[in-house]
């Protein structure tokens, strides 16, 4: 399991920070109909349970937004990924059907409310990830977003630089069809679904849909 360090600035404003970790050998590919049916069922639950303006009040999303504000970032301009997914669902826009690994992460994210970082572990430099705060000098290519201003965002860094925020992961370590080792960080800045439950469910989904082996799990807080 990869080492995790947390910058004291994060803990100062969010002492309840907890990170659920899942690492596994996987097979990525097209999302099967069974997985997509699970996603559609949870999406329907979200549509029935929440109005659009209620989404940012979900405990996990609200806590991440508070962390953004405390660090100097506008969470309405740089939306948390779980919030953005749920907003699309409620607005009737749906979510994209992508690959098994991405869609497993999205499923757990919309159900739990947690922003989740899905990383190709073989593209991570070094054996430690540090959760710190983005700076003005960081160069960050968000997946499908181009250059993203991460100043004031909580951000994971490996030995080569920033690779994941609650808004978007970085192109360098994103999941691809060639990904064979997944590193998944479930970012809990306040409890909604119990983190232990989210970790266990993530591991089960990876085994079921991504043929996961060598599964390692943990919780860092």
Protein backbone atom coordinates (compact mmCIF):
# COMPACT_ATOMS: atom_id res chain seq x y z
CA UNK A 1 0.00 0.00 0.00
CA UNK A 2 1.26 3.46 -0.87
CA UNK A 3 2.27 5.82 1.94
CA UNK A 4 0.07 8.85 2.62
CA UNK A 5 1.14 12.10 4.23
CA UNK A 6 -1.23 14.96 5.04
CA UNK A 7 -0.11 18.59 5.12
CA UNK A 8 -0.87 20.16 8.54
CA UNK A 9 -2.76 22.95 6.72
CA UNK A 10 -5.38 20.38 5.64
CA UNK A 11 -5.74 18.94 9.13
CA UNK A 12 -5.91 22.39 10.70
CA UNK A 13 -9.08 23.29 8.81
CA UNK A 14 -10.46 19.74 8.50
CA UNK A 15 -9.23 17.58 11.39
CA UNK A 16 -11.80 14.88 10.59
CA UNK A 17 -10.09 14.12 7.25
CA UNK A 18 -10.17 10.41 6.43
CA UNK A 19 -8.87 8.70 3.30
CA UNK A 20 -10.09 5.30 2.21
CA UNK A 21 -7.53 3.43 0.13
CA UNK A 22 -7.95 0.60 -2.36
CA UNK A 23 -5.15 -0.80 -4.50
CA UNK A 24 -5.50 -3.77 -6.82
CA UNK A 25 -4.33 -5.52 -9.95
CA UNK A 26 -7.15 -5.00 -12.46
CA UNK A 27 -8.36 -5.48 -16.02
CA UNK A 28 -9.87 -2.34 -17.53
CA UNK A 29 -12.18 -2.29 -20.53
CA UNK A 30 -15.65 -1.34 -21.71
CA UNK A 31 -18.33 -1.03 -19.04
CA UNK A 32 -20.60 -4.06 -19.07
CA UNK A 33 -24.38 -3.82 -19.01
CA UNK A 34 -24.62 -5.13 -15.44
CA UNK A 35 -22.36 -2.40 -14.07
CA UNK A 36 -24.19 0.23 -16.10
CA UNK A 37 -27.50 -1.00 -14.68
CA UNK A 38 -26.13 -0.50 -11.16
CA UNK A 39 -25.11 3.04 -12.07
CA UNK A 40 -28.52 3.80 -13.57
CA UNK A 41 -30.26 2.50 -10.43
CA UNK A 42 -28.19 4.70 -8.13
CA UNK A 43 -28.64 7.67 -10.48
CA UNK A 44 -32.40 7.21 -10.24
CA UNK A 45 -32.13 7.19 -6.43
CA UNK A 46 -30.27 10.49 -6.59
CA UNK A 47 -32.92 12.02 -8.87
CA UNK A 48 -35.72 10.93 -6.57
CA UNK A 49 -34.00 12.00 -3.34
CA UNK A 50 -32.52 15.41 -4.14
CA UNK A 51 -33.46 18.69 -5.75
CA UNK A 52 -30.67 20.47 -7.63
CA UNK A 53 -30.06 23.02 -4.89
CA UNK A 54 -29.86 20.29 -2.23
CA UNK A 55 -26.85 18.50 -3.71
CA UNK A 56 -24.25 20.79 -2.18
CA UNK A 57 -25.84 20.12 1.23
CA UNK A 58 -24.96 16.42 1.19
CA UNK A 59 -22.53 15.97 4.13
CA UNK A 60 -19.60 14.68 2.07
CA UNK A 61 -20.00 17.34 -0.61
CA UNK A 62 -20.65 20.17 1.84
CA UNK A 63 -17.50 19.27 3.80
CA UNK A 64 -15.35 19.30 0.68
CA UNK A 65 -16.79 22.67 -0.30
CA UNK A 66 -16.00 24.03 3.18
CA UNK A 67 -12.43 22.82 2.81
CA UNK A 68 -12.15 24.62 -0.54
CA UNK A 69 -13.37 27.86 1.00
CA UNK A 70 -11.03 27.51 3.98
CA UNK A 71 -8.09 27.09 1.59
CA UNK A 72 -9.17 30.03 -0.57
CA UNK A 73 -10.93 28.27 -3.47
CA UNK A 74 -14.44 28.96 -4.81
CA UNK A 75 -16.26 25.58 -4.79
CA UNK A 76 -19.03 26.90 -7.02
CA UNK A 77 -16.54 27.76 -9.77
CA UNK A 78 -14.42 24.63 -9.29
CA UNK A 79 -17.02 22.04 -8.43
CA UNK A 80 -16.25 18.90 -6.49
CA UNK A 81 -16.43 15.90 -8.87
CA UNK A 82 -19.15 14.08 -6.90
CA UNK A 83 -21.26 17.25 -6.85
CA UNK A 84 -20.77 17.76 -10.59
CA UNK A 85 -21.85 14.17 -11.32
CA UNK A 86 -24.96 14.44 -9.16
CA UNK A 87 -25.91 17.78 -10.69
CA UNK A 88 -25.73 16.27 -14.17
CA UNK A 89 -27.99 13.44 -13.07
CA UNK A 90 -30.61 15.73 -11.54
CA UNK A 91 -30.56 18.06 -14.56
CA UNK A 92 -31.33 15.07 -16.77
CA UNK A 93 -27.98 15.20 -18.58
CA UNK A 94 -26.90 11.77 -17.40
CA UNK A 95 -23.29 10.69 -16.95
CA UNK A 96 -20.99 9.33 -19.58
CA UNK A 97 -20.49 5.59 -19.99
CA UNK A 98 -16.71 5.28 -20.10
CA UNK A 99 -14.56 2.37 -18.91
CA UNK A 100 -14.96 -0.14 -16.12
CA UNK A 101 -12.52 1.55 -13.73
CA UNK A 102 -13.86 5.04 -14.28
CA UNK A 103 -17.46 3.93 -13.97
CA UNK A 104 -16.83 1.93 -10.78
CA UNK A 105 -15.29 5.06 -9.25
CA UNK A 106 -18.23 7.16 -10.45
CA UNK A 107 -20.74 4.68 -9.01
CA UNK A 108 -19.22 4.80 -5.53
CA UNK A 109 -18.81 8.57 -5.77
CA UNK A 110 -22.43 9.40 -6.57
CA UNK A 111 -23.73 6.96 -3.96
CA UNK A 112 -21.38 8.08 -1.17
CA UNK A 113 -20.97 11.77 -2.03
CA UNK A 114 -17.19 11.47 -1.76
CA UNK A 115 -14.81 12.84 -4.37
CA UNK A 116 -12.68 9.86 -5.37
CA UNK A 117 -9.26 9.87 -7.03
CA UNK A 118 -8.75 6.99 -9.47
CA UNK A 119 -5.09 6.65 -10.37
CA UNK A 120 -2.94 4.36 -12.49
CA UNK A 121 -0.55 3.21 -9.77
CA UNK A 122 2.19 2.35 -12.25
CA UNK A 123 2.34 6.00 -13.32
CA UNK A 124 2.78 7.31 -9.78
CA UNK A 125 6.34 8.41 -9.09
CA UNK A 126 7.76 7.22 -5.77
CA UNK A 127 6.09 5.38 -2.90
CA UNK A 128 4.40 8.31 -1.14
CA UNK A 129 1.47 10.60 -1.87
CA UNK A 130 1.24 13.88 0.03
CA UNK A 131 -2.12 15.58 0.42
CA UNK A 132 -1.26 19.27 0.41
CA UNK A 133 -2.54 22.57 -0.98
CA UNK A 134 -2.25 23.69 -4.61
CA UNK A 135 -0.15 26.73 -5.41
CA UNK A 136 -0.07 29.39 -8.10
CA UNK A 137 3.00 27.75 -9.63
CA UNK A 138 1.52 24.28 -10.04
CA UNK A 139 1.07 23.13 -13.64
CA UNK A 140 -1.91 20.79 -13.70
CA UNK A 141 -3.65 19.24 -16.70
CA UNK A 142 -7.09 18.15 -15.52
CA UNK A 143 -8.58 15.19 -17.35
CA UNK A 144 -10.57 16.57 -20.26
CA UNK A 145 -10.18 20.11 -18.89
CA UNK A 146 -6.74 21.25 -20.01
CA UNK A 147 -4.76 23.51 -17.70
CA UNK A 148 -6.58 23.79 -14.38
CA UNK A 149 -5.87 26.40 -11.71
CA UNK A 150 -5.48 24.28 -8.56
CA UNK A 151 -4.27 27.07 -6.29
CA UNK A 152 -6.13 26.66 -3.01
CA UNK A 153 -7.36 23.11 -3.75
CA UNK A 154 -6.45 20.05 -1.72
CA UNK A 155 -4.11 18.09 -4.01
CA UNK A 156 -2.23 14.82 -3.94
CA UNK A 157 1.40 15.04 -5.01
CA UNK A 158 3.79 12.27 -5.94
CA UNK A 159 7.55 12.67 -6.40
CA UNK A 160 7.02 14.39 -9.77
CA UNK A 161 4.20 16.80 -8.91
CA UNK A 162 0.43 17.14 -8.44
CA UNK A 163 -1.78 14.29 -9.66
CA UNK A 164 -5.25 14.49 -8.10
CA UNK A 165 -7.77 16.99 -6.68
CA UNK A 166 -11.44 16.60 -5.67
CA UNK A 167 -12.36 18.54 -8.83
CA UNK A 168 -10.37 16.54 -11.39
CA UNK A 169 -7.53 14.06 -11.56
CA UNK A 170 -4.44 14.78 -13.68
CA UNK A 171 -3.81 13.44 -17.17
CA UNK A 172 -0.46 11.91 -16.19
CA UNK A 173 -1.88 9.27 -13.86
CA UNK A 174 -5.37 8.77 -15.29
CA UNK A 175 -6.91 5.35 -15.95
CA UNK A 176 -6.42 4.05 -19.49
CA UNK A 177 -7.19 0.79 -21.25
CA UNK A 178 -3.64 -0.25 -20.39
CA UNK A 179 -4.03 0.29 -16.64
CA UNK A 180 -3.24 -2.88 -14.71
CA UNK A 181 -2.77 -1.49 -11.19
CA UNK A 182 -5.40 0.82 -9.73
CA UNK A 183 -4.81 3.15 -6.80
CA UNK A 184 -8.08 4.60 -5.52
CA UNK A 185 -8.31 7.26 -2.81
CA UNK A 186 -11.73 7.94 -1.28
CA UNK A 187 -11.59 11.49 0.08
CA UNK A 188 -13.79 11.85 3.16
CA UNK A 189 -13.71 15.29 4.72
CA UNK A 190 -16.87 14.52 6.71
CA UNK A 191 -18.79 11.25 7.10
CA UNK A 192 -21.74 10.37 4.89
CA UNK A 193 -21.48 6.73 3.88
CA UNK A 194 -19.14 5.12 6.48
CA UNK A 195 -15.66 5.17 4.93
CA UNK A 196 -15.16 1.51 5.80
CA UNK A 197 -18.31 0.67 3.86
CA UNK A 198 -17.21 2.72 0.85
CA UNK A 199 -13.81 1.00 0.82
CA UNK A 200 -15.36 -2.46 1.09
CA UNK A 201 -17.88 -1.73 -1.66
CA UNK A 202 -15.17 -0.35 -3.95
CA UNK A 203 -13.09 -3.49 -3.48
CA UNK A 204 -16.10 -5.72 -4.18
CA UNK A 205 -16.97 -3.81 -7.36
CA UNK A 206 -13.38 -4.07 -8.61
CA UNK A 207 -13.41 -7.82 -8.03
CA UNK A 208 -16.78 -8.21 -9.74
CA UNK A 209 -16.26 -6.01 -12.77
CA UNK A 210 -12.49 -5.46 -13.16
CA UNK A 211 -11.35 -8.98 -12.21
CA UNK A 212 -9.35 -7.47 -9.35
CA UNK A 213 -6.68 -9.52 -7.59
CA UNK A 214 -4.01 -8.62 -5.03
CA UNK A 215 -6.54 -6.28 -3.42
CA UNK A 216 -5.22 -4.11 -0.59
CA UNK A 217 -7.41 -1.79 1.45
CA UNK A 218 -6.88 0.66 4.27
CA UNK A 219 -8.10 3.83 5.92
CA UNK A 220 -5.77 6.71 6.71
CA UNK A 221 -6.79 9.35 9.23
